[in-house]
């Protein structure tokens, strides 16, 4: 990935090989990102660096620029037309997310082959024509649907996708202390932990969060996603050879509303940087292309959907696959920032692996992974039990958010007569769960929820199990 970035910076900023090599050598000695080292050496400015990694995909003006063949566009157009009735050029262009100039070329060829016909016109130009698919066209369309049933926006090429991921890389995100503080403002997190998380997130490298359950590892992982405020472009689909891989997932990807610019290639969607979370359900097959035998096209695996964003492996060690097998699957991508996928034909191809990966576990690390793997995870951060002061802060916040008066005397009673007497460790999740019990009991009995000895006693009895 650094080599690709170096090539792009060299080309766009008109730098020499010697200057790039000098920056790479400085990077090895001092760390940081390639671009920042070039700025430090005075070869480019901060503004020039930002411009290099800010791009909007422009609409192709010709079929060649789209990266697609006329044969492919014709087949995709036919599959759309079979369910459209009468149509115009703009109707088809809207569905394929391609300019009318490219669609017009396809429509004209389909008309000459008598797969479609002109039904009428409100003017003298082809833009005013109304078309309809012929019986021969329907036969051809059904033949194409039997090959694959993808009917959506035109895909982009794998090469175009690789270039876009490279430009939007997470390694170029500037993370400063104020960004971390803002992202964690609503949480009770120690200064020590914030000082650890800041450099870890800024590095763009994998993070291993570990510690006892119920102390906020998942919450912290989700908060890290708020450090990534900017947006990225992802394609609706990618074409590899003759195969289609759908990438945009409305469940996973959050589109940016009201930001569409003129002249943008509409085959791409502007989204907030993706956050993909997988827990105990994660298995190795979810990291491979998923082929739909009925629709006969592929859906992108999780790591492809997470590119340019965040991938959280939650409850690591409780997956349906042996942890070591899962880790072995990640070793090469983590080191080289590339991965390989395989089509049913056996063809393998390379994809970018550009994401901040967070492993979160409450299992002791040495029981999960070997030293070789931990060496590849630069940041290992312990999320431990909260201190008494932090625990009180969390309890206060939970009470405040539920309109319950925080009673310091009752809180001290909880600590002394329950936690200390019964030797129960403080967990960050306890305040929320205890207050939830108080609220449930109050709703059932028809009175406002309050902190009292009686409500705490009932909550404790219902929440904790005597072993």
Protein backbone atom coordinates (compact mmCIF):
# COMPACT_ATOMS: atom_id res chain seq x y z
CA UNK A 1 0.00 0.00 0.00
CA UNK A 2 2.84 2.44 0.83
CA UNK A 3 4.37 1.73 -2.58
CA UNK A 4 1.06 2.55 -4.28
CA UNK A 5 0.72 5.72 -2.24
CA UNK A 6 4.30 6.69 -3.11
CA UNK A 7 3.58 6.22 -6.81
CA UNK A 8 0.43 8.34 -6.60
CA UNK A 9 2.15 11.13 -4.64
CA UNK A 10 5.11 11.09 -7.01
CA UNK A 11 2.84 11.37 -10.03
CA UNK A 12 0.46 14.03 -8.70
CA UNK A 13 3.02 16.15 -6.84
CA UNK A 14 5.69 15.73 -9.53
CA UNK A 15 8.32 14.36 -7.14
CA UNK A 16 11.38 12.33 -8.03
CA UNK A 17 12.15 8.75 -7.04
CA UNK A 18 14.99 10.06 -4.88
CA UNK A 19 12.61 12.33 -2.93
CA UNK A 20 10.15 9.48 -2.35
CA UNK A 21 12.97 7.19 -1.19
CA UNK A 22 14.26 9.89 1.18
CA UNK A 23 10.77 10.22 2.67
CA UNK A 24 10.47 6.43 3.02
CA UNK A 25 13.83 6.31 4.81
CA UNK A 26 12.72 9.10 7.16
CA UNK A 27 9.50 7.16 7.77
CA UNK A 28 11.49 4.07 8.79
CA UNK A 29 13.53 6.15 11.25
CA UNK A 30 10.86 8.43 12.70
CA UNK A 31 7.57 6.64 11.92
CA UNK A 32 4.44 8.45 10.79
CA UNK A 33 2.84 8.44 7.37
CA UNK A 34 4.63 8.84 4.06
CA UNK A 35 2.81 12.07 3.23
CA UNK A 36 3.66 13.64 6.58
CA UNK A 37 7.32 12.79 6.10
CA UNK A 38 7.26 14.49 2.68
CA UNK A 39 5.76 17.58 4.35
CA UNK A 40 8.46 17.47 7.04
CA UNK A 41 11.14 17.36 4.32
CA UNK A 42 9.54 20.36 2.60
CA UNK A 43 8.73 18.57 -0.65
CA UNK A 44 4.98 19.25 -0.45
CA UNK A 45 2.69 21.38 1.72
CA UNK A 46 -0.14 20.27 4.01
CA UNK A 47 -2.71 21.67 1.57
CA UNK A 48 -1.13 19.80 -1.33
CA UNK A 49 -1.17 16.59 0.70
CA UNK A 50 -4.87 17.01 1.54
CA UNK A 51 -5.68 17.59 -2.13
CA UNK A 52 -3.92 14.36 -3.11
CA UNK A 53 -6.27 12.34 -0.93
CA UNK A 54 -9.48 14.17 -1.75
CA UNK A 55 -11.19 12.90 -4.85
CA UNK A 56 -14.64 12.80 -6.39
CA UNK A 57 -15.21 10.15 -9.07
CA UNK A 58 -16.19 11.98 -12.25
CA UNK A 59 -18.77 10.57 -14.62
CA UNK A 60 -17.24 8.77 -17.62
CA UNK A 61 -17.72 10.57 -20.91
CA UNK A 62 -17.08 7.53 -23.09
CA UNK A 63 -17.61 3.80 -22.87
CA UNK A 64 -13.85 3.33 -22.65
CA UNK A 65 -13.65 5.64 -19.64
CA UNK A 66 -16.33 3.56 -17.85
CA UNK A 67 -14.12 0.49 -18.11
CA UNK A 68 -17.05 -1.55 -19.45
CA UNK A 69 -17.62 -3.21 -22.79
CA UNK A 70 -20.57 -2.40 -25.01
CA UNK A 71 -21.54 -6.09 -24.89
CA UNK A 72 -21.78 -5.97 -21.09
CA UNK A 73 -23.79 -2.71 -21.10
CA UNK A 74 -26.17 -4.16 -23.70
CA UNK A 75 -26.84 -7.21 -21.55
CA UNK A 76 -27.39 -5.11 -18.43
CA UNK A 77 -29.74 -2.77 -20.31
CA UNK A 78 -31.83 -5.71 -21.58
CA UNK A 79 -32.20 -7.13 -18.06
CA UNK A 80 -33.51 -3.76 -16.88
CA UNK A 81 -35.86 -3.33 -19.84
CA UNK A 82 -37.77 -6.56 -19.33
CA UNK A 83 -39.56 -5.01 -16.34
CA UNK A 84 -39.79 -1.38 -17.52
CA UNK A 85 -42.51 -1.19 -20.20
CA UNK A 86 -42.12 1.84 -22.48
CA UNK A 87 -38.97 3.83 -21.68
CA UNK A 88 -36.78 6.72 -22.71
CA UNK A 89 -33.01 7.19 -22.69
CA UNK A 90 -33.02 9.05 -19.39
CA UNK A 91 -35.06 6.26 -17.73
CA UNK A 92 -32.38 3.70 -18.60
CA UNK A 93 -29.50 6.04 -17.75
CA UNK A 94 -31.07 6.65 -14.34
CA UNK A 95 -31.24 2.92 -13.60
CA UNK A 96 -27.72 2.15 -14.81
CA UNK A 97 -26.23 5.30 -13.22
CA UNK A 98 -24.45 5.99 -16.50
CA UNK A 99 -24.50 9.14 -18.67
CA UNK A 100 -27.07 9.15 -21.47
CA UNK A 101 -24.25 9.40 -24.05
CA UNK A 102 -23.10 5.89 -23.13
CA UNK A 103 -26.62 4.49 -22.79
CA UNK A 104 -27.58 5.97 -26.16
CA UNK A 105 -24.80 3.98 -27.81
CA UNK A 106 -26.19 0.77 -26.31
CA UNK A 107 -29.82 1.61 -27.15
CA UNK A 108 -28.92 2.31 -30.79
CA UNK A 109 -27.17 -1.05 -31.17
CA UNK A 110 -30.07 -2.90 -29.50
CA UNK A 111 -32.47 -1.12 -31.86
CA UNK A 112 -30.44 -2.11 -34.90
CA UNK A 113 -30.50 -5.73 -33.71
CA UNK A 114 -34.31 -5.42 -33.34
CA UNK A 115 -34.17 -6.20 -29.64
CA UNK A 116 -35.96 -2.92 -28.93
CA UNK A 117 -38.11 -0.65 -31.11
CA UNK A 118 -39.23 2.96 -31.18
CA UNK A 119 -42.79 3.32 -29.89
CA UNK A 120 -43.23 7.04 -30.38
CA UNK A 121 -41.63 10.45 -30.04
CA UNK A 122 -42.45 13.89 -28.71
CA UNK A 123 -39.71 15.58 -30.72
CA UNK A 124 -37.03 15.14 -33.35
CA UNK A 125 -34.08 13.96 -31.22
CA UNK A 126 -33.41 10.52 -29.77
CA UNK A 127 -33.79 12.00 -26.28
CA UNK A 128 -37.52 12.36 -26.99
CA UNK A 129 -38.02 8.82 -28.27
CA UNK A 130 -40.05 6.26 -26.36
CA UNK A 131 -38.87 2.68 -26.78
CA UNK A 132 -40.17 -0.77 -25.95
CA UNK A 133 -38.50 -4.17 -25.79
CA UNK A 134 -39.47 -6.64 -28.56
CA UNK A 135 -40.29 -10.32 -28.16
CA UNK A 136 -36.82 -11.19 -29.46
CA UNK A 137 -35.39 -8.75 -26.93
CA UNK A 138 -37.32 -10.44 -24.10
CA UNK A 139 -35.89 -13.80 -25.16
CA UNK A 140 -32.36 -12.37 -25.09
CA UNK A 141 -33.03 -10.68 -21.74
CA UNK A 142 -34.23 -13.95 -20.17
CA UNK A 143 -31.11 -15.68 -21.49
CA UNK A 144 -28.96 -13.08 -19.74
CA UNK A 145 -30.98 -13.37 -16.53
CA UNK A 146 -30.29 -17.12 -16.60
CA UNK A 147 -26.55 -16.33 -16.66
CA UNK A 148 -26.82 -13.87 -13.75
CA UNK A 149 -29.77 -11.97 -12.30
CA UNK A 150 -27.90 -8.81 -11.35
CA UNK A 151 -30.14 -5.84 -12.22
CA UNK A 152 -28.74 -2.70 -10.68
CA UNK A 153 -26.37 0.20 -11.31
CA UNK A 154 -23.51 -0.53 -13.69
CA UNK A 155 -20.43 -1.83 -11.83
CA UNK A 156 -16.96 -0.28 -11.71
CA UNK A 157 -13.81 -2.16 -12.58
CA UNK A 158 -11.64 -3.79 -9.93
CA UNK A 159 -8.80 -1.47 -10.91
CA UNK A 160 -10.97 1.62 -10.38
CA UNK A 161 -12.01 0.32 -6.97
CA UNK A 162 -8.42 -0.39 -5.95
CA UNK A 163 -7.39 3.15 -6.89
CA UNK A 164 -10.25 4.68 -4.92
CA UNK A 165 -9.47 2.66 -1.77
CA UNK A 166 -5.84 3.70 -2.06
CA UNK A 167 -6.78 7.39 -2.25
CA UNK A 168 -9.23 7.16 0.67
CA UNK A 169 -6.94 5.04 2.89
CA UNK A 170 -7.46 5.08 6.65
CA UNK A 171 -3.72 5.63 6.96
CA UNK A 172 -4.22 9.17 5.72
CA UNK A 173 -6.79 10.11 8.38
CA UNK A 174 -5.41 12.81 10.66
CA UNK A 175 -6.31 11.96 14.28
CA UNK A 176 -5.46 14.53 16.90
CA UNK A 177 -6.00 14.65 20.64
CA UNK A 178 -9.07 16.87 20.33
CA UNK A 179 -10.72 14.32 18.01
CA UNK A 180 -10.23 11.54 20.57
CA UNK A 181 -11.50 13.73 23.43
CA UNK A 182 -14.60 14.69 21.43
CA UNK A 183 -15.37 11.09 20.43
CA UNK A 184 -15.18 9.92 24.05
CA UNK A 185 -16.78 12.97 25.66
CA UNK A 186 -19.95 11.07 26.61
CA UNK A 187 -18.05 8.19 28.19
CA UNK A 188 -16.19 7.95 31.49
CA UNK A 189 -12.68 7.05 30.34
CA UNK A 190 -9.45 7.61 32.24
CA UNK A 191 -6.79 9.97 30.90
CA UNK A 192 -4.39 7.02 30.82
CA UNK A 193 -6.67 5.10 28.48
CA UNK A 194 -7.22 8.11 26.21
CA UNK A 195 -3.45 8.57 25.95
CA UNK A 196 -3.20 4.94 24.79
CA UNK A 197 -6.11 5.06 22.37
CA UNK A 198 -5.05 8.24 20.58
CA UNK A 199 -1.79 7.01 19.00
CA UNK A 200 -3.34 3.58 18.37
CA UNK A 201 -6.21 5.01 16.32
CA UNK A 202 -3.94 7.51 14.59
CA UNK A 203 -1.60 4.73 13.43
CA UNK A 204 -4.34 3.00 11.41
CA UNK A 205 -2.97 -0.34 12.63
CA UNK A 206 -4.81 -3.20 14.36
CA UNK A 207 -5.77 -2.79 18.02
CA UNK A 208 -6.28 -5.56 20.59
CA UNK A 209 -8.69 -4.58 23.40
CA UNK A 210 -8.76 -7.07 26.26
CA UNK A 211 -9.93 -7.25 29.84
CA UNK A 212 -12.72 -8.54 32.11
CA UNK A 213 -16.27 -8.57 30.69
CA UNK A 214 -18.69 -5.73 31.22
CA UNK A 215 -16.18 -2.87 31.25
CA UNK A 216 -16.83 -1.17 27.95
CA UNK A 217 -14.60 -2.77 25.32
CA UNK A 218 -17.40 -2.86 22.75
CA UNK A 219 -18.52 0.65 23.68
CA UNK A 220 -14.96 1.94 23.31
CA UNK A 221 -14.60 0.19 19.94
CA UNK A 222 -17.82 1.83 18.73
CA UNK A 223 -16.68 5.23 20.04
CA UNK A 224 -13.51 4.95 17.96
CA UNK A 225 -15.72 5.01 14.86
CA UNK A 226 -16.73 8.56 15.80
CA UNK A 227 -13.12 9.63 15.36
CA UNK A 228 -13.58 9.08 11.60
CA UNK A 229 -15.76 12.08 10.63
CA UNK A 230 -15.10 12.18 6.91
CA UNK A 231 -16.86 10.42 4.03
CA UNK A 232 -15.75 7.98 1.36
CA UNK A 233 -17.02 6.73 -1.98
CA UNK A 234 -17.83 3.06 -2.53
CA UNK A 235 -19.25 1.45 -5.69
CA UNK A 236 -22.61 -0.26 -5.89
CA UNK A 237 -20.86 -3.21 -7.51
CA UNK A 238 -17.53 -4.36 -8.93
CA UNK A 239 -16.94 -6.36 -12.09
CA UNK A 240 -14.16 -8.97 -12.14
CA UNK A 241 -13.93 -10.63 -15.53
CA UNK A 242 -17.58 -11.35 -16.32
CA UNK A 243 -18.61 -11.73 -12.66
CA UNK A 244 -20.46 -9.16 -10.56
CA UNK A 245 -19.72 -8.54 -6.85
CA UNK A 246 -22.19 -6.32 -5.01
CA UNK A 247 -20.48 -4.11 -2.44
CA UNK A 248 -22.81 -1.34 -1.30
CA UNK A 249 -24.90 -2.69 1.58
CA UNK A 250 -27.65 -0.41 2.93
CA UNK A 251 -27.55 -2.31 6.23
CA UNK A 252 -23.84 -1.63 6.73
CA UNK A 253 -23.20 1.58 4.80
CA UNK A 254 -24.73 4.90 5.81
CA UNK A 255 -25.17 7.22 2.80
CA UNK A 256 -24.43 10.92 3.10
CA UNK A 257 -27.65 12.76 2.29
CA UNK A 258 -27.88 15.92 0.24
CA UNK A 259 -24.23 15.95 -0.81
CA UNK A 260 -24.50 14.80 -4.44
CA UNK A 261 -22.47 16.97 -6.80
CA UNK A 262 -22.96 17.51 -10.51
CA UNK A 263 -20.73 15.48 -12.78
CA UNK A 264 -20.18 12.70 -10.21
CA UNK A 265 -20.03 9.09 -11.40
CA UNK A 266 -23.30 7.82 -9.92
CA UNK A 267 -22.03 4.24 -9.89
CA UNK A 268 -20.38 5.31 -6.62
CA UNK A 269 -22.19 6.13 -3.35
CA UNK A 270 -20.93 8.75 -0.90
CA UNK A 271 -21.12 7.20 2.56
CA UNK A 272 -19.83 7.80 6.06
CA UNK A 273 -16.70 5.74 6.71
CA UNK A 274 -18.02 2.20 7.22
CA UNK A 275 -18.14 0.43 10.57
CA UNK A 276 -18.52 -3.35 10.35
CA UNK A 277 -18.99 -5.38 13.54
CA UNK A 278 -18.93 -9.16 13.78
CA UNK A 279 -19.31 -11.13 16.99
CA UNK A 280 -19.78 -14.76 17.88
CA UNK A 281 -21.43 -15.43 14.52
CA UNK A 282 -18.19 -14.75 12.61
CA UNK A 283 -16.77 -17.69 10.68
CA UNK A 284 -14.21 -18.10 7.92
CA UNK A 285 -16.84 -18.31 5.17
CA UNK A 286 -17.91 -14.73 5.97
CA UNK A 287 -14.46 -13.59 4.85
CA UNK A 288 -14.93 -15.14 1.40
CA UNK A 289 -17.10 -14.11 -1.52
CA UNK A 290 -20.68 -15.30 -1.04
CA UNK A 291 -22.10 -16.71 -4.27
CA UNK A 292 -25.88 -16.68 -4.63
CA UNK A 293 -26.69 -19.83 -6.67
CA UNK A 294 -30.09 -18.44 -7.68
CA UNK A 295 -29.12 -14.87 -8.57
CA UNK A 296 -25.70 -16.08 -9.79
CA UNK A 297 -23.66 -13.13 -8.61
CA UNK A 298 -21.51 -12.51 -5.55
CA UNK A 299 -21.86 -10.48 -2.38
CA UNK A 300 -18.73 -8.89 -0.94
CA UNK A 301 -17.26 -10.37 2.27
CA UNK A 302 -17.09 -8.36 5.49
CA UNK A 303 -13.54 -7.09 5.06
CA UNK A 304 -14.38 -5.71 1.61
CA UNK A 305 -17.40 -3.88 3.03
CA UNK A 306 -15.18 -2.46 5.80
CA UNK A 307 -12.50 -1.02 3.50
CA UNK A 308 -11.59 2.61 4.27
CA UNK A 309 -13.28 2.19 7.65
CA UNK A 310 -13.43 0.16 10.84
CA UNK A 311 -13.80 -3.61 11.36
CA UNK A 312 -14.63 -4.66 14.93
CA UNK A 313 -14.20 -8.34 15.83
CA UNK A 314 -16.26 -8.43 19.02
CA UNK A 315 -16.16 -11.22 21.62
CA UNK A 316 -13.04 -12.55 19.94
CA UNK A 317 -12.46 -16.18 20.89
CA UNK A 318 -16.16 -17.03 21.02
CA UNK A 319 -16.59 -17.44 17.28
CA UNK A 320 -17.73 -20.63 15.56
CA UNK A 321 -14.18 -21.14 14.34
CA UNK A 322 -10.97 -21.83 16.25
CA UNK A 323 -9.31 -18.49 17.16
CA UNK A 324 -5.96 -19.58 15.74
CA UNK A 325 -7.56 -20.42 12.39
CA UNK A 326 -9.20 -17.01 12.30
CA UNK A 327 -5.95 -15.29 13.18
CA UNK A 328 -4.04 -17.23 10.55
CA UNK A 329 -6.56 -15.92 8.01
CA UNK A 330 -5.68 -12.34 9.05
CA UNK A 331 -1.88 -12.52 9.28
CA UNK A 332 -1.04 -11.75 5.63
CA UNK A 333 -3.70 -9.03 5.17
CA UNK A 334 -2.59 -7.29 8.38
CA UNK A 335 1.04 -7.20 7.28
CA UNK A 336 0.66 -6.48 3.55
CA UNK A 337 -2.64 -4.59 3.63
CA UNK A 338 -3.91 -6.72 0.76
CA UNK A 339 -6.10 -9.82 0.64
CA UNK A 340 -7.02 -12.42 -1.96
CA UNK A 341 -10.48 -13.65 -2.95
CA UNK A 342 -11.47 -16.52 -5.24
CA UNK A 343 -14.33 -16.89 -7.71
CA UNK A 344 -16.14 -20.18 -8.26
CA UNK A 345 -14.11 -20.62 -11.43
CA UNK A 346 -11.00 -20.81 -9.28
CA UNK A 347 -9.72 -17.42 -10.42
CA UNK A 348 -8.04 -15.52 -7.57
CA UNK A 349 -7.63 -11.78 -7.47
CA UNK A 350 -6.15 -9.23 -5.10
CA UNK A 351 -8.19 -6.71 -3.14
CA UNK A 352 -7.11 -3.85 -0.85
CA UNK A 353 -7.22 -4.53 2.88
CA UNK A 354 -7.49 -0.98 4.20
CA UNK A 355 -9.27 -0.81 7.55
CA UNK A 356 -8.64 -0.26 11.22
CA UNK A 357 -9.24 -3.67 12.81
CA UNK A 358 -10.16 -3.91 16.49
CA UNK A 359 -10.11 -7.27 18.24
CA UNK A 360 -12.12 -7.16 21.47
CA UNK A 361 -12.04 -10.02 23.95
CA UNK A 362 -12.60 -10.86 27.61
CA UNK A 363 -10.52 -14.03 27.32
CA UNK A 364 -6.93 -13.88 28.53
CA UNK A 365 -4.81 -13.11 25.41
CA UNK A 366 -2.24 -15.86 26.03
CA UNK A 367 -5.07 -18.42 25.94
CA UNK A 368 -6.16 -17.14 22.52
CA UNK A 369 -3.13 -16.24 20.49
CA UNK A 370 0.57 -16.96 20.28
CA UNK A 371 3.39 -14.47 20.60
CA UNK A 372 3.94 -14.36 16.82
CA UNK A 373 0.46 -12.98 16.25
CA UNK A 374 0.62 -10.50 19.13
CA UNK A 375 3.80 -9.08 17.61
CA UNK A 376 1.76 -8.19 14.53
CA UNK A 377 -0.77 -6.31 16.67
CA UNK A 378 1.09 -3.16 17.57
CA UNK A 379 -1.36 -1.90 20.19
CA UNK A 380 -2.58 -4.12 23.05
CA UNK A 381 -4.78 -2.13 25.43
CA UNK A 382 -6.17 -3.41 28.72
CA UNK A 383 -9.72 -2.27 29.54
CA UNK A 384 -9.83 -3.03 33.26
CA UNK A 385 -12.36 -2.64 36.07
CA UNK A 386 -13.15 1.02 36.79
CA UNK A 387 -11.84 2.76 39.88
CA UNK A 388 -14.36 3.73 42.56
CA UNK A 389 -14.25 7.33 41.35
CA UNK A 390 -14.92 6.28 37.74
CA UNK A 391 -17.68 3.91 38.87
CA UNK A 392 -19.41 6.77 40.72
CA UNK A 393 -19.13 9.02 37.67
CA UNK A 394 -20.76 6.34 35.50
CA UNK A 395 -23.54 5.82 38.06
CA UNK A 396 -24.22 9.56 38.17
CA UNK A 397 -24.41 9.78 34.37
CA UNK A 398 -26.78 6.82 34.15
CA UNK A 399 -29.07 8.31 36.79
CA UNK A 400 -29.00 11.70 35.09
CA UNK A 401 -29.86 10.23 31.67
CA UNK A 402 -32.89 8.47 33.25
CA UNK A 403 -34.11 11.48 35.29
CA UNK A 404 -33.33 9.74 38.57
CA UNK A 405 -31.88 11.74 41.46
CA UNK A 406 -28.42 10.43 42.37
CA UNK A 407 -28.32 9.84 46.12
CA UNK A 408 -24.71 9.81 47.39
CA UNK A 409 -25.70 8.25 50.71
CA UNK A 410 -27.46 5.35 48.98
CA UNK A 411 -24.52 4.95 46.60
CA UNK A 412 -22.10 4.64 49.53
CA UNK A 413 -24.45 2.06 51.05
CA UNK A 414 -24.32 0.10 47.78
CA UNK A 415 -20.52 0.14 47.78
CA UNK A 416 -19.99 -0.72 51.44
CA UNK A 417 -22.83 -3.16 52.15
CA UNK A 418 -22.81 -4.99 48.85
CA UNK A 419 -19.66 -4.65 46.76
CA UNK A 420 -17.14 -4.61 49.62
CA UNK A 421 -18.97 -6.94 51.99
CA UNK A 422 -19.62 -9.53 49.27
CA UNK A 423 -16.25 -8.94 47.56
CA UNK A 424 -17.82 -8.13 44.17
CA UNK A 425 -15.65 -6.28 41.66
CA UNK A 426 -16.87 -3.04 40.12
CA UNK A 427 -17.88 -3.35 36.47
CA UNK A 428 -18.62 -0.42 34.18
CA UNK A 429 -21.87 -2.03 33.02
CA UNK A 430 -23.30 -2.43 36.55
CA UNK A 431 -24.71 1.12 36.95
CA UNK A 432 -26.75 0.84 33.75
CA UNK A 433 -28.04 -2.63 34.60
CA UNK A 434 -28.86 -1.84 38.23
CA UNK A 435 -30.70 1.37 37.25
CA UNK A 436 -32.61 -0.57 34.57
CA UNK A 437 -33.84 -2.97 37.27
CA UNK A 438 -34.94 -0.01 39.41
CA UNK A 439 -36.84 1.47 36.46
CA UNK A 440 -38.50 -1.86 35.56
CA UNK A 441 -39.68 -2.36 39.14
CA UNK A 442 -40.97 1.23 39.36
CA UNK A 443 -42.95 0.91 36.12
CA UNK A 444 -44.50 -2.34 37.29
CA UNK A 445 -45.54 -0.89 40.66
CA UNK A 446 -46.63 2.46 39.25
CA UNK A 447 -44.31 4.85 41.07
CA UNK A 448 -41.42 7.08 39.93
CA UNK A 449 -38.02 5.34 39.96
CA UNK A 450 -35.80 6.38 42.88
CA UNK A 451 -32.51 5.32 44.44
CA UNK A 452 -33.30 3.83 47.84
CA UNK A 453 -32.14 0.97 50.01
CA UNK A 454 -35.22 -1.02 49.05
CA UNK A 455 -34.92 -0.52 45.28
CA UNK A 456 -31.19 -1.27 45.34
CA UNK A 457 -31.75 -4.43 47.37
CA UNK A 458 -34.35 -5.67 44.89
CA UNK A 459 -32.15 -4.78 41.91
CA UNK A 460 -29.13 -6.54 43.44
CA UNK A 461 -31.11 -9.69 44.19
CA UNK A 462 -32.46 -9.86 40.64
CA UNK A 463 -29.19 -9.00 38.90
CA UNK A 464 -26.49 -10.97 40.71
CA UNK A 465 -26.38 -14.73 40.99
CA UNK A 466 -25.11 -16.44 44.11
CA UNK A 467 -22.62 -19.12 43.09
